[in-house]
Structures are given as C-alpha cells and as structure tokens.
Amino acid sequence: MSGSSLSKRNLALLLSALVFPGSGHFVLKRKARGCLFLVPALVALILVLRQIMARLDQVMAQIDSGALPLDVQLIVEKVDALSANDGPAMTVAVGVLAACWIGSLVDTFLIKP
C-alpha cells in the first residue's frame, strides 16, 4: 500500500465522518457508491430540518401572539411537548441519516484503493 493511497483513504474517512456521508467516496473516485450514501442522507436531513423548522414556527407564532411568554423553561417545555408528537417519520429519517453516516464510514474504510 503506497503512502498516497493511505492518505487518500484517511482524507476520505475524515470527509465521510466530519462533512457528510458519502463525501469521502468522491475523493476515492467512487461517485456512484458515494451517491448511494449521500442521496438518502440528504433526503433524511431535509425531512428532519423541515420538521424542526415547523416546530420552531409553531413556538415562534405562540411567542409573537403572546400566548407563550418569553420564559426559557416554558419554551423548553413547549418544544418538548411538540417533539413528543413527531411520529414515526422523524424516527425513520433520523435512523436513515445515522445508518448512512455509519455505513459510509465502514464502506470507506473497507474500500481497497
């Protein structure tokens, strides 16, 4: 194993771990495999962020209307109450995101340069 292939693998592992799942595969010129991790992780991240933003919109609307005072403890309780109603879609999206991240790391580690 040459030094350059080892450093490419390390860079790929760092990118997959710290940037986004599948991004390290592009360094190793495995674009199709990278997309297998990147696309579902991106869709899952978008779903998670949309759910979070919808929750924040509800809390901000209550704060703006005066129904929810600017008390940190009350706001945290309200967010927790809204989080309890997330349902299975949020759980699946977070699971897909975690699985893609871990799978990308394992696959990047196992790729022979």
PDB file of N, CA and C in Angstrom:
ATOM      1  N   MET A   1       0.842  -1.168   0.000  1.00  0.00           N
ATOM      2  CA  MET A   1       0.000   0.000   0.000  1.00  0.00           C
ATOM      3  C   MET A   1       0.887   1.232   0.000  1.00  0.00           C
ATOM      4  N   SER A   2       0.660   2.110  -0.918  1.00  0.00           N
ATOM      5  CA  SER A   2       1.502   3.300  -1.018  1.00  0.00           C
ATOM      6  C   SER A   2       1.025   4.377  -0.047  1.00  0.00           C
ATOM      7  N   GLY A   3       1.895   5.334   0.197  1.00  0.00           N
ATOM      8  CA  GLY A   3       1.573   6.416   1.122  1.00  0.00           C
ATOM      9  C   GLY A   3       0.457   7.298   0.618  1.00  0.00           C
ATOM     10  N   SER A   4       0.390   7.520  -0.705  1.00  0.00           N
ATOM     11  CA  SER A   4      -0.651   8.394  -1.234  1.00  0.00           C
ATOM     12  C   SER A   4      -2.029   7.753  -1.136  1.00  0.00           C
ATOM     13  N   SER A   5      -2.117   6.416  -1.346  1.00  0.00           N
ATOM     14  CA  SER A   5      -3.419   5.767  -1.233  1.00  0.00           C
ATOM     15  C   SER A   5      -3.889   5.748   0.226  1.00  0.00           C
ATOM     16  N   LEU A   6      -2.955   5.621   1.157  1.00  0.00           N
ATOM     17  CA  LEU A   6      -3.315   5.666   2.565  1.00  0.00           C
ATOM     18  C   LEU A   6      -3.801   7.057   2.948  1.00  0.00           C
ATOM     19  N   SER A   7      -3.136   8.079   2.464  1.00  0.00           N
ATOM     20  CA  SER A   7      -3.569   9.433   2.804  1.00  0.00           C
ATOM     21  C   SER A   7      -4.904   9.758   2.135  1.00  0.00           C
ATOM     22  N   LYS A   8      -5.161   9.223   0.934  1.00  0.00           N
ATOM     23  CA  LYS A   8      -6.458   9.430   0.299  1.00  0.00           C
ATOM     24  C   LYS A   8      -7.561   8.757   1.114  1.00  0.00           C
ATOM     25  N   ARG A   9      -7.267   7.555   1.611  1.00  0.00           N
ATOM     26  CA  ARG A   9      -8.267   6.860   2.415  1.00  0.00           C
ATOM     27  C   ARG A   9      -8.542   7.639   3.703  1.00  0.00           C
ATOM     28  N   ASN A  10      -7.478   8.145   4.342  1.00  0.00           N
ATOM     29  CA  ASN A  10      -7.673   8.926   5.570  1.00  0.00           C
ATOM     30  C   ASN A  10      -8.482  10.189   5.300  1.00  0.00           C
ATOM     31  N   LEU A  11      -8.185  10.860   4.185  1.00  0.00           N
ATOM     32  CA  LEU A  11      -8.952  12.047   3.816  1.00  0.00           C
ATOM     33  C   LEU A  11     -10.411  11.671   3.558  1.00  0.00           C
ATOM     34  N   ALA A  12     -10.608  10.557   2.874  1.00  0.00           N
ATOM     35  CA  ALA A  12     -11.971  10.102   2.589  1.00  0.00           C
ATOM     36  C   ALA A  12     -12.720   9.776   3.877  1.00  0.00           C
ATOM     37  N   LEU A  13     -12.038   9.128   4.811  1.00  0.00           N
ATOM     38  CA  LEU A  13     -12.672   8.825   6.098  1.00  0.00           C
ATOM     39  C   LEU A  13     -13.034  10.102   6.856  1.00  0.00           C
ATOM     40  N   LEU A  14     -12.141  11.060   6.843  1.00  0.00           N
ATOM     41  CA  LEU A  14     -12.419  12.329   7.518  1.00  0.00           C
ATOM     42  C   LEU A  14     -13.600  13.052   6.878  1.00  0.00           C
ATOM     43  N   LEU A  15     -13.635  13.073   5.548  1.00  0.00           N
ATOM     44  CA  LEU A  15     -14.752  13.726   4.865  1.00  0.00           C
ATOM     45  C   LEU A  15     -16.068  13.021   5.164  1.00  0.00           C
ATOM     46  N   SER A  16     -16.051  11.697   5.134  1.00  0.00           N
ATOM     47  CA  SER A  16     -17.281  10.944   5.418  1.00  0.00           C
ATOM     48  C   SER A  16     -17.721  11.110   6.865  1.00  0.00           C
ATOM     49  N   ALA A  17     -16.763  11.249   7.764  1.00  0.00           N
ATOM     50  CA  ALA A  17     -17.101  11.375   9.183  1.00  0.00           C
ATOM     51  C   ALA A  17     -17.516  12.789   9.563  1.00  0.00           C
ATOM     52  N   LEU A  18     -16.818  13.789   9.032  1.00  0.00           N
ATOM     53  CA  LEU A  18     -16.998  15.155   9.520  1.00  0.00           C
ATOM     54  C   LEU A  18     -17.811  16.065   8.596  1.00  0.00           C
ATOM     55  N   VAL A  19     -17.887  15.728   7.318  1.00  0.00           N
ATOM     56  CA  VAL A  19     -18.596  16.613   6.394  1.00  0.00           C
ATOM     57  C   VAL A  19     -20.000  16.080   6.119  1.00  0.00           C
ATOM     58  N   PHE A  20     -20.079  14.955   5.407  1.00  0.00           N
ATOM     59  CA  PHE A  20     -21.380  14.374   5.092  1.00  0.00           C
ATOM     60  C   PHE A  20     -21.171  12.953   4.606  1.00  0.00           C
ATOM     61  N   PRO A  21     -22.111  12.058   4.860  1.00  0.00           N
ATOM     62  CA  PRO A  21     -21.960  10.679   4.414  1.00  0.00           C
ATOM     63  C   PRO A  21     -21.806  10.598   2.895  1.00  0.00           C
ATOM     64  N   GLY A  22     -20.853   9.811   2.453  1.00  0.00           N
ATOM     65  CA  GLY A  22     -20.630   9.625   1.029  1.00  0.00           C
ATOM     66  C   GLY A  22     -19.657  10.602   0.414  1.00  0.00           C
ATOM     67  N   SER A  23     -19.340  11.685   1.104  1.00  0.00           N
ATOM     68  CA  SER A  23     -18.450  12.690   0.516  1.00  0.00           C
ATOM     69  C   SER A  23     -17.026  12.156   0.350  1.00  0.00           C
ATOM     70  N   GLY A  24     -16.613  11.258   1.195  1.00  0.00           N
ATOM     71  CA  GLY A  24     -15.283  10.681   1.074  1.00  0.00           C
ATOM     72  C   GLY A  24     -15.135   9.775  -0.135  1.00  0.00           C
ATOM     73  N   HIS A  25     -16.235   9.199  -0.576  1.00  0.00           N
ATOM     74  CA  HIS A  25     -16.185   8.332  -1.751  1.00  0.00           C
ATOM     75  C   HIS A  25     -15.787   9.105  -3.009  1.00  0.00           C
ATOM     76  N   PHE A  26     -16.108  10.382  -3.049  1.00  0.00           N
ATOM     77  CA  PHE A  26     -15.760  11.185  -4.215  1.00  0.00           C
ATOM     78  C   PHE A  26     -14.247  11.386  -4.309  1.00  0.00           C
ATOM     79  N   VAL A  27     -13.565  11.455  -3.171  1.00  0.00           N
ATOM     80  CA  VAL A  27     -12.103  11.546  -3.172  1.00  0.00           C
ATOM     81  C   VAL A  27     -11.498  10.265  -3.733  1.00  0.00           C
ATOM     82  N   LEU A  28     -12.126   9.149  -3.428  1.00  0.00           N
ATOM     83  CA  LEU A  28     -11.637   7.851  -3.898  1.00  0.00           C
ATOM     84  C   LEU A  28     -12.152   7.506  -5.299  1.00  0.00           C
ATOM     85  N   LYS A  29     -12.811   8.466  -5.936  1.00  0.00           N
ATOM     86  CA  LYS A  29     -13.355   8.303  -7.291  1.00  0.00           C
ATOM     87  C   LYS A  29     -14.389   7.184  -7.361  1.00  0.00           C
ATOM     88  N   ARG A  30     -15.178   7.067  -6.333  1.00  0.00           N
ATOM     89  CA  ARG A  30     -16.282   6.100  -6.273  1.00  0.00           C
ATOM     90  C   ARG A  30     -17.588   6.889  -6.161  1.00  0.00           C
ATOM     91  N   LYS A  31     -17.890   7.644  -7.217  1.00  0.00           N
ATOM     92  CA  LYS A  31     -19.017   8.576  -7.174  1.00  0.00           C
ATOM     93  C   LYS A  31     -20.362   7.864  -7.020  1.00  0.00           C
ATOM     94  N   ALA A  32     -20.543   6.753  -7.710  1.00  0.00           N
ATOM     95  CA  ALA A  32     -21.827   6.040  -7.615  1.00  0.00           C
ATOM     96  C   ALA A  32     -22.060   5.537  -6.193  1.00  0.00           C
ATOM     97  N   ARG A  33     -21.028   4.966  -5.587  1.00  0.00           N
ATOM     98  CA  ARG A  33     -21.158   4.500  -4.197  1.00  0.00           C
ATOM     99  C   ARG A  33     -21.380   5.667  -3.253  1.00  0.00           C
ATOM    100  N   GLY A  34     -20.704   6.770  -3.515  1.00  0.00           N
ATOM    101  CA  GLY A  34     -20.902   7.952  -2.685  1.00  0.00           C
ATOM    102  C   GLY A  34     -22.334   8.450  -2.740  1.00  0.00           C
ATOM    103  N   CYS A  35     -22.919   8.415  -3.931  1.00  0.00           N
ATOM    104  CA  CYS A  35     -24.310   8.856  -4.083  1.00  0.00           C
ATOM    105  C   CYS A  35     -25.282   7.923  -3.375  1.00  0.00           C
ATOM    106  N   LEU A  36     -24.924   6.639  -3.257  1.00  0.00           N
ATOM    107  CA  LEU A  36     -25.782   5.698  -2.535  1.00  0.00           C
ATOM    108  C   LEU A  36     -25.914   6.074  -1.058  1.00  0.00           C
ATOM    109  N   PHE A  37     -24.913   6.728  -0.519  1.00  0.00           N
ATOM    110  CA  PHE A  37     -24.981   7.202   0.869  1.00  0.00           C
ATOM    111  C   PHE A  37     -25.452   8.649   0.939  1.00  0.00           C
ATOM    112  N   LEU A  38     -25.004   9.465   0.012  1.00  0.00           N
ATOM    113  CA  LEU A  38     -25.271  10.900   0.053  1.00  0.00           C
ATOM    114  C   LEU A  38     -26.735  11.230  -0.181  1.00  0.00           C
ATOM    115  N   VAL A  39     -27.349  10.626  -1.175  1.00  0.00           N
ATOM    116  CA  VAL A  39     -28.723  10.989  -1.538  1.00  0.00           C
ATOM    117  C   VAL A  39     -29.725  10.646  -0.428  1.00  0.00           C
ATOM    118  N   PRO A  40     -29.753   9.411   0.091  1.00  0.00           N
ATOM    119  CA  PRO A  40     -30.722   9.155   1.169  1.00  0.00           C
ATOM    120  C   PRO A  40     -30.434   9.976   2.430  1.00  0.00           C
ATOM    121  N   ALA A  41     -29.156  10.206   2.722  1.00  0.00           N
ATOM    122  CA  ALA A  41     -28.821  11.013   3.903  1.00  0.00           C
ATOM    123  C   ALA A  41     -29.289  12.451   3.710  1.00  0.00           C
ATOM    124  N   LEU A  42     -29.153  12.962   2.502  1.00  0.00           N
ATOM    125  CA  LEU A  42     -29.596  14.329   2.217  1.00  0.00           C
ATOM    126  C   LEU A  42     -31.115  14.449   2.321  1.00  0.00           C
ATOM    127  N   VAL A  43     -31.831  13.474   1.794  1.00  0.00           N
ATOM    128  CA  VAL A  43     -33.296  13.482   1.894  1.00  0.00           C
ATOM    129  C   VAL A  43     -33.724  13.396   3.357  1.00  0.00           C
ATOM    130  N   ALA A  44     -33.079  12.521   4.114  1.00  0.00           N
ATOM    131  CA  ALA A  44     -33.413  12.387   5.541  1.00  0.00           C
ATOM    132  C   ALA A  44     -33.111  13.681   6.297  1.00  0.00           C
ATOM    133  N   LEU A  45     -31.977  14.307   5.988  1.00  0.00           N
ATOM    134  CA  LEU A  45     -31.628  15.568   6.655  1.00  0.00           C
ATOM    135  C   LEU A  45     -32.639  16.660   6.335  1.00  0.00           C
ATOM    136  N   ILE A  46     -33.084  16.722   5.100  1.00  0.00           N
ATOM    137  CA  ILE A  46     -34.088  17.718   4.719  1.00  0.00           C
ATOM    138  C   ILE A  46     -35.387  17.480   5.477  1.00  0.00           C
ATOM    139  N   LEU A  47     -35.800  16.223   5.589  1.00  0.00           N
ATOM    140  CA  LEU A  47     -37.025  15.916   6.343  1.00  0.00           C
ATOM    141  C   LEU A  47     -36.892  16.293   7.817  1.00  0.00           C
ATOM    142  N   VAL A  48     -35.747  16.000   8.411  1.00  0.00           N
ATOM    143  CA  VAL A  48     -35.520  16.349   9.820  1.00  0.00           C
ATOM    144  C   VAL A  48     -35.540  17.865  10.001  1.00  0.00           C
ATOM    145  N   LEU A  49     -34.848  18.576   9.132  1.00  0.00           N
ATOM    146  CA  LEU A  49     -34.806  20.036   9.248  1.00  0.00           C
ATOM    147  C   LEU A  49     -36.171  20.668   9.020  1.00  0.00           C
ATOM    148  N   ARG A  50     -36.952  20.124   8.090  1.00  0.00           N
ATOM    149  CA  ARG A  50     -38.306  20.653   7.871  1.00  0.00           C
ATOM    150  C   ARG A  50     -39.167  20.466   9.114  1.00  0.00           C
ATOM    151  N   GLN A  51     -39.034  19.307   9.754  1.00  0.00           N
ATOM    152  CA  GLN A  51     -39.813  19.043  10.965  1.00  0.00           C
ATOM    153  C   GLN A  51     -39.393  20.002  12.088  1.00  0.00           C
ATOM    154  N   ILE A  52     -38.109  20.215  12.232  1.00  0.00           N
ATOM    155  CA  ILE A  52     -37.614  21.135  13.264  1.00  0.00           C
ATOM    156  C   ILE A  52     -38.095  22.556  12.996  1.00  0.00           C
ATOM    157  N   MET A  53     -38.025  22.968  11.734  1.00  0.00           N
ATOM    158  CA  MET A  53     -38.468  24.328  11.390  1.00  0.00           C
ATOM    159  C   MET A  53     -39.970  24.505  11.625  1.00  0.00           C
ATOM    160  N   ALA A  54     -40.766  23.475  11.331  1.00  0.00           N
ATOM    161  CA  ALA A  54     -42.204  23.555  11.581  1.00  0.00           C
ATOM    162  C   ALA A  54     -42.476  23.699  13.077  1.00  0.00           C
ATOM    163  N   ARG A  55     -41.714  22.968  13.877  1.00  0.00           N
ATOM    164  CA  ARG A  55     -41.856  23.068  15.333  1.00  0.00           C
ATOM    165  C   ARG A  55     -41.487  24.468  15.817  1.00  0.00           C
ATOM    166  N   LEU A  56     -40.393  25.002  15.283  1.00  0.00           N
ATOM    167  CA  LEU A  56     -39.969  26.351  15.677  1.00  0.00           C
ATOM    168  C   LEU A  56     -40.969  27.410  15.237  1.00  0.00           C
ATOM    169  N   ASP A  57     -41.573  27.224  14.067  1.00  0.00           N
ATOM    170  CA  ASP A  57     -42.595  28.167  13.609  1.00  0.00           C
ATOM    171  C   ASP A  57     -43.778  28.197  14.564  1.00  0.00           C
ATOM    172  N   GLN A  58     -44.180  27.024  15.055  1.00  0.00           N
ATOM    173  CA  GLN A  58     -45.297  26.970  15.992  1.00  0.00           C
ATOM    174  C   GLN A  58     -44.960  27.702  17.285  1.00  0.00           C
ATOM    175  N   VAL A  59     -43.776  27.473  17.797  1.00  0.00           N
ATOM    176  CA  VAL A  59     -43.369  28.129  19.046  1.00  0.00           C
ATOM    177  C   VAL A  59     -43.252  29.637  18.838  1.00  0.00           C
ATOM    178  N   MET A  60     -42.656  30.049  17.725  1.00  0.00           N
ATOM    179  CA  MET A  60     -42.500  31.491  17.460  1.00  0.00           C
ATOM    180  C   MET A  60     -43.860  32.168  17.284  1.00  0.00           C
ATOM    181  N   ALA A  61     -44.817  31.483  16.658  1.00  0.00           N
ATOM    182  CA  ALA A  61     -46.153  32.060  16.496  1.00  0.00           C
ATOM    183  C   ALA A  61     -46.816  32.259  17.852  1.00  0.00           C
ATOM    184  N   GLN A  62     -46.611  31.321  18.763  1.00  0.00           N
ATOM    185  CA  GLN A  62     -47.192  31.471  20.094  1.00  0.00           C
ATOM    186  C   GLN A  62     -46.506  32.579  20.878  1.00  0.00           C
ATOM    187  N   ILE A  63     -45.208  32.735  20.687  1.00  0.00           N
ATOM    188  CA  ILE A  63     -44.492  33.816  21.368  1.00  0.00           C
ATOM    189  C   ILE A  63     -44.942  35.167  20.813  1.00  0.00           C
ATOM    190  N   ASP A  64     -45.064  35.251  19.480  1.00  0.00           N
ATOM    191  CA  ASP A  64     -45.499  36.511  18.853  1.00  0.00           C
ATOM    192  C   ASP A  64     -46.906  36.904  19.260  1.00  0.00           C
ATOM    193  N   SER A  65     -47.797  35.918  19.413  1.00  0.00           N
ATOM    194  CA  SER A  65     -49.178  36.225  19.780  1.00  0.00           C
ATOM    195  C   SER A  65     -49.331  36.533  21.266  1.00  0.00           C
ATOM    196  N   GLY A  66     -48.316  36.240  22.048  1.00  0.00           N
ATOM    197  CA  GLY A  66     -48.382  36.487  23.481  1.00  0.00           C
ATOM    198  C   GLY A  66     -48.906  35.299  24.267  1.00  0.00           C
ATOM    199  N   ALA A  67     -49.256  34.213  23.586  1.00  0.00           N
ATOM    200  CA  ALA A  67     -49.769  33.027  24.273  1.00  0.00           C
ATOM    201  C   ALA A  67     -48.669  32.306  25.048  1.00  0.00           C
ATOM    202  N   LEU A  68     -47.431  32.494  24.621  1.00  0.00           N
ATOM    203  CA  LEU A  68     -46.286  31.864  25.286  1.00  0.00           C
ATOM    204  C   LEU A  68     -45.322  32.969  25.714  1.00  0.00           C
ATOM    205  N   PRO A  69     -45.145  33.168  27.021  1.00  0.00           N
ATOM    206  CA  PRO A  69     -44.245  34.228  27.479  1.00  0.00           C
ATOM    207  C   PRO A  69     -42.774  33.882  27.199  1.00  0.00           C
ATOM    208  N   LEU A  70     -41.941  34.890  27.225  1.00  0.00           N
ATOM    209  CA  LEU A  70     -40.512  34.702  26.992  1.00  0.00           C
ATOM    210  C   LEU A  70     -39.836  34.155  28.243  1.00  0.00           C
ATOM    211  N   ASP A  71     -40.199  32.946  28.584  1.00  0.00           N
ATOM    212  CA  ASP A  71     -39.609  32.243  29.711  1.00  0.00           C
ATOM    213  C   ASP A  71     -38.949  30.982  29.157  1.00  0.00           C
ATOM    214  N   VAL A  72     -37.656  30.862  29.385  1.00  0.00           N
ATOM    215  CA  VAL A  72     -36.894  29.756  28.797  1.00  0.00           C
ATOM    216  C   VAL A  72     -37.480  28.411  29.198  1.00  0.00           C
ATOM    217  N   GLN A  73     -37.825  28.240  30.439  1.00  0.00           N
ATOM    218  CA  GLN A  73     -38.356  26.960  30.912  1.00  0.00           C
ATOM    219  C   GLN A  73     -39.663  26.620  30.213  1.00  0.00           C
ATOM    220  N   LEU A  74     -40.555  27.594  30.043  1.00  0.00           N
ATOM    221  CA  LEU A  74     -41.821  27.339  29.359  1.00  0.00           C
ATOM    222  C   LEU A  74     -41.607  27.008  27.884  1.00  0.00           C
ATOM    223  N   ILE A  75     -40.669  27.688  27.255  1.00  0.00           N
ATOM    224  CA  ILE A  75     -40.371  27.426  25.846  1.00  0.00           C
ATOM    225  C   ILE A  75     -39.807  26.014  25.676  1.00  0.00           C
ATOM    226  N   VAL A  76     -38.908  25.609  26.572  1.00  0.00           N
ATOM    227  CA  VAL A  76     -38.341  24.259  26.508  1.00  0.00           C
ATOM    228  C   VAL A  76     -39.441  23.219  26.695  1.00  0.00           C
ATOM    229  N   GLU A  77     -40.351  23.454  27.630  1.00  0.00           N
ATOM    230  CA  GLU A  77     -41.453  22.521  27.857  1.00  0.00           C
ATOM    231  C   GLU A  77     -42.346  22.426  26.625  1.00  0.00           C
ATOM    232  N   LYS A  78     -42.590  23.559  25.971  1.00  0.00           N
ATOM    233  CA  LYS A  78     -43.422  23.576  24.768  1.00  0.00           C
ATOM    234  C   LYS A  78     -42.752  22.801  23.629  1.00  0.00           C
ATOM    235  N   VAL A  79     -41.450  23.012  23.449  1.00  0.00           N
ATOM    236  CA  VAL A  79     -40.711  22.297  22.407  1.00  0.00           C
ATOM    237  C   VAL A  79     -40.710  20.801  22.703  1.00  0.00           C
ATOM    238  N   ASP A  80     -40.534  20.423  23.962  1.00  0.00           N
ATOM    239  CA  ASP A  80     -40.585  19.009  24.338  1.00  0.00           C
ATOM    240  C   ASP A  80     -41.961  18.409  24.051  1.00  0.00           C
ATOM    241  N   ALA A  81     -43.008  19.169  24.342  1.00  0.00           N
ATOM    242  CA  ALA A  81     -44.362  18.679  24.078  1.00  0.00           C
ATOM    243  C   ALA A  81     -44.588  18.498  22.579  1.00  0.00           C
ATOM    244  N   LEU A  82     -44.088  19.420  21.776  1.00  0.00           N
ATOM    245  CA  LEU A  82     -44.229  19.296  20.326  1.00  0.00           C
ATOM    246  C   LEU A  82     -43.381  18.146  19.784  1.00  0.00           C
ATOM    247  N   SER A  83     -42.236  17.895  20.409  1.00  0.00           N
ATOM    248  CA  SER A  83     -41.356  16.813  19.969  1.00  0.00           C
ATOM    249  C   SER A  83     -41.976  15.445  20.221  1.00  0.00           C
ATOM    250  N   ALA A  84     -42.828  15.367  21.218  1.00  0.00           N
ATOM    251  CA  ALA A  84     -43.470  14.093  21.531  1.00  0.00           C
ATOM    252  C   ALA A  84     -44.426  13.669  20.415  1.00  0.00           C
ATOM    253  N   ASN A  85     -44.852  14.622  19.593  1.00  0.00           N
ATOM    254  CA  ASN A  85     -45.803  14.332  18.519  1.00  0.00           C
ATOM    255  C   ASN A  85     -45.131  14.157  17.162  1.00  0.00           C
ATOM    256  N   ASP A  86     -43.831  13.904  17.147  1.00  0.00           N
ATOM    257  CA  ASP A  86     -43.112  13.812  15.873  1.00  0.00           C
ATOM    258  C   ASP A  86     -43.557  12.622  15.043  1.00  0.00           C
ATOM    259  N   GLY A  87     -43.828  11.524  15.648  1.00  0.00           N
ATOM    260  CA  GLY A  87     -44.293  10.361  14.921  1.00  0.00           C
ATOM    261  C   GLY A  87     -43.158   9.543  14.325  1.00  0.00           C
ATOM    262  N   PRO A  88     -43.532   8.497  13.606  1.00  0.00           N
ATOM    263  CA  PRO A  88     -42.521   7.568  13.087  1.00  0.00           C
ATOM    264  C   PRO A  88     -41.683   8.144  11.947  1.00  0.00           C
ATOM    265  N   ALA A  89     -42.182   9.127  11.221  1.00  0.00           N
ATOM    266  CA  ALA A  89     -41.419   9.676  10.090  1.00  0.00           C
ATOM    267  C   ALA A  89     -40.114  10.300  10.563  1.00  0.00           C
ATOM    268  N   MET A  90     -40.165  11.005  11.662  1.00  0.00           N
ATOM    269  CA  MET A  90     -38.959  11.636  12.199  1.00  0.00           C
ATOM    270  C   MET A  90     -37.978  10.567  12.686  1.00  0.00           C
ATOM    271  N   THR A  91     -38.491   9.535  13.329  1.00  0.00           N
ATOM    272  CA  THR A  91     -37.635   8.449  13.811  1.00  0.00           C
ATOM    273  C   THR A  91     -36.958   7.738  12.647  1.00  0.00           C
ATOM    274  N   VAL A  92     -37.704   7.473  11.594  1.00  0.00           N
ATOM    275  CA  VAL A  92     -37.140   6.805  10.423  1.00  0.00           C
ATOM    276  C   VAL A  92     -36.097   7.699   9.757  1.00  0.00           C
ATOM    277  N   ALA A  93     -36.397   8.987   9.631  1.00  0.00           N
ATOM    278  CA  ALA A  93     -35.452   9.909   8.987  1.00  0.00           C
ATOM    279  C   ALA A  93     -34.142   9.995   9.766  1.00  0.00           C
ATOM    280  N   VAL A  94     -34.218  10.078  11.080  1.00  0.00           N
ATOM    281  CA  VAL A  94     -33.004  10.126  11.896  1.00  0.00           C
ATOM    282  C   VAL A  94     -32.259   8.800  11.797  1.00  0.00           C
ATOM    283  N   GLY A  95     -32.985   7.695  11.770  1.00  0.00           N
ATOM    284  CA  GLY A  95     -32.352   6.380  11.623  1.00  0.00           C
ATOM    285  C   GLY A  95     -31.648   6.227  10.284  1.00  0.00           C
ATOM    286  N   VAL A  96     -32.276   6.696   9.219  1.00  0.00           N
ATOM    287  CA  VAL A  96     -31.656   6.632   7.889  1.00  0.00           C
ATOM    288  C   VAL A  96     -30.402   7.489   7.855  1.00  0.00           C
ATOM    289  N   LEU A  97     -30.473   8.663   8.438  1.00  0.00           N
ATOM    290  CA  LEU A  97     -29.305   9.545   8.467  1.00  0.00           C
ATOM    291  C   LEU A  97     -28.150   8.899   9.230  1.00  0.00           C
ATOM    292  N   ALA A  98     -28.440   8.317  10.379  1.00  0.00           N
ATOM    293  CA  ALA A  98     -27.394   7.655  11.169  1.00  0.00           C
ATOM    294  C   ALA A  98     -26.843   6.429  10.443  1.00  0.00           C
ATOM    295  N   ALA A  99     -27.714   5.649   9.827  1.00  0.00           N
ATOM    296  CA  ALA A  99     -27.274   4.454   9.108  1.00  0.00           C
ATOM    297  C   ALA A  99     -26.398   4.816   7.914  1.00  0.00           C
ATOM    298  N   CYS A 100     -26.770   5.866   7.206  1.00  0.00           N
ATOM    299  CA  CYS A 100     -25.952   6.310   6.069  1.00  0.00           C
ATOM    300  C   CYS A 100     -24.588   6.793   6.543  1.00  0.00           C
ATOM    301  N   TRP A 101     -24.561   7.509   7.655  1.00  0.00           N
ATOM    302  CA  TRP A 101     -23.292   8.017   8.159  1.00  0.00           C
ATOM    303  C   TRP A 101     -22.364   6.866   8.568  1.00  0.00           C
ATOM    304  N   ILE A 102     -22.902   5.941   9.330  1.00  0.00           N
ATOM    305  CA  ILE A 102     -22.088   4.802   9.782  1.00  0.00           C
ATOM    306  C   ILE A 102     -21.710   3.918   8.599  1.00  0.00           C
ATOM    307  N   GLY A 103     -22.666   3.640   7.725  1.00  0.00           N
ATOM    308  CA  GLY A 103     -22.391   2.815   6.559  1.00  0.00           C
ATOM    309  C   GLY A 103     -21.345   3.431   5.645  1.00  0.00           C
ATOM    310  N   SER A 104     -21.388   4.736   5.501  1.00  0.00           N
ATOM    311  CA  SER A 104     -20.401   5.424   4.668  1.00  0.00           C
ATOM    312  C   SER A 104     -19.001   5.285   5.251  1.00  0.00           C
ATOM    313  N   LEU A 105     -18.900   5.404   6.558  1.00  0.00           N
ATOM    314  CA  LEU A 105     -17.595   5.250   7.206  1.00  0.00           C
ATOM    315  C   LEU A 105     -17.057   3.829   7.048  1.00  0.00           C
ATOM    316  N   VAL A 106     -17.910   2.850   7.280  1.00  0.00           N
ATOM    317  CA  VAL A 106     -17.483   1.459   7.159  1.00  0.00           C
ATOM    318  C   VAL A 106     -17.087   1.150   5.727  1.00  0.00           C
ATOM    319  N   ASP A 107     -17.899   1.584   4.772  1.00  0.00           N
ATOM    320  CA  ASP A 107     -17.616   1.307   3.376  1.00  0.00           C
ATOM    321  C   ASP A 107     -16.323   2.018   2.922  1.00  0.00           C
ATOM    322  N   THR A 108     -16.123   3.248   3.362  1.00  0.00           N
ATOM    323  CA  THR A 108     -14.906   3.974   3.011  1.00  0.00           C
ATOM    324  C   THR A 108     -13.685   3.251   3.579  1.00  0.00           C
ATOM    325  N   PHE A 109     -13.816   2.749   4.791  1.00  0.00           N
ATOM    326  CA  PHE A 109     -12.697   2.031   5.405  1.00  0.00           C
ATOM    327  C   PHE A 109     -12.380   0.728   4.670  1.00  0.00           C
ATOM    328  N   LEU A 110     -13.426   0.056   4.166  1.00  0.00           N
ATOM    329  CA  LEU A 110     -13.235  -1.243   3.525  1.00  0.00           C
ATOM    330  C   LEU A 110     -12.853  -1.166   2.056  1.00  0.00           C
ATOM    331  N   ILE A 111     -12.983   0.002   1.422  1.00  0.00           N
ATOM    332  CA  ILE A 111     -12.623   0.144   0.008  1.00  0.00           C
ATOM    333  C   ILE A 111     -11.130  -0.042  -0.140  1.00  0.00           C
ATOM    334  N   LYS A 112     -10.761  -0.859  -1.098  1.00  0.00           N
ATOM    335  CA  LYS A 112      -9.344  -1.045  -1.393  1.00  0.00           C
ATOM    336  C   LYS A 112      -8.933  -0.008  -2.410  1.00  0.00           C
ATOM    337  N   PRO A 113      -7.960   0.829  -2.076  1.00  0.00           N
ATOM    338  CA  PRO A 113      -7.564   1.895  -3.006  1.00  0.00           C
ATOM    339  C   PRO A 113      -6.849   1.362  -4.233  1.00  0.00           C
TER     340      PRO A 113
END
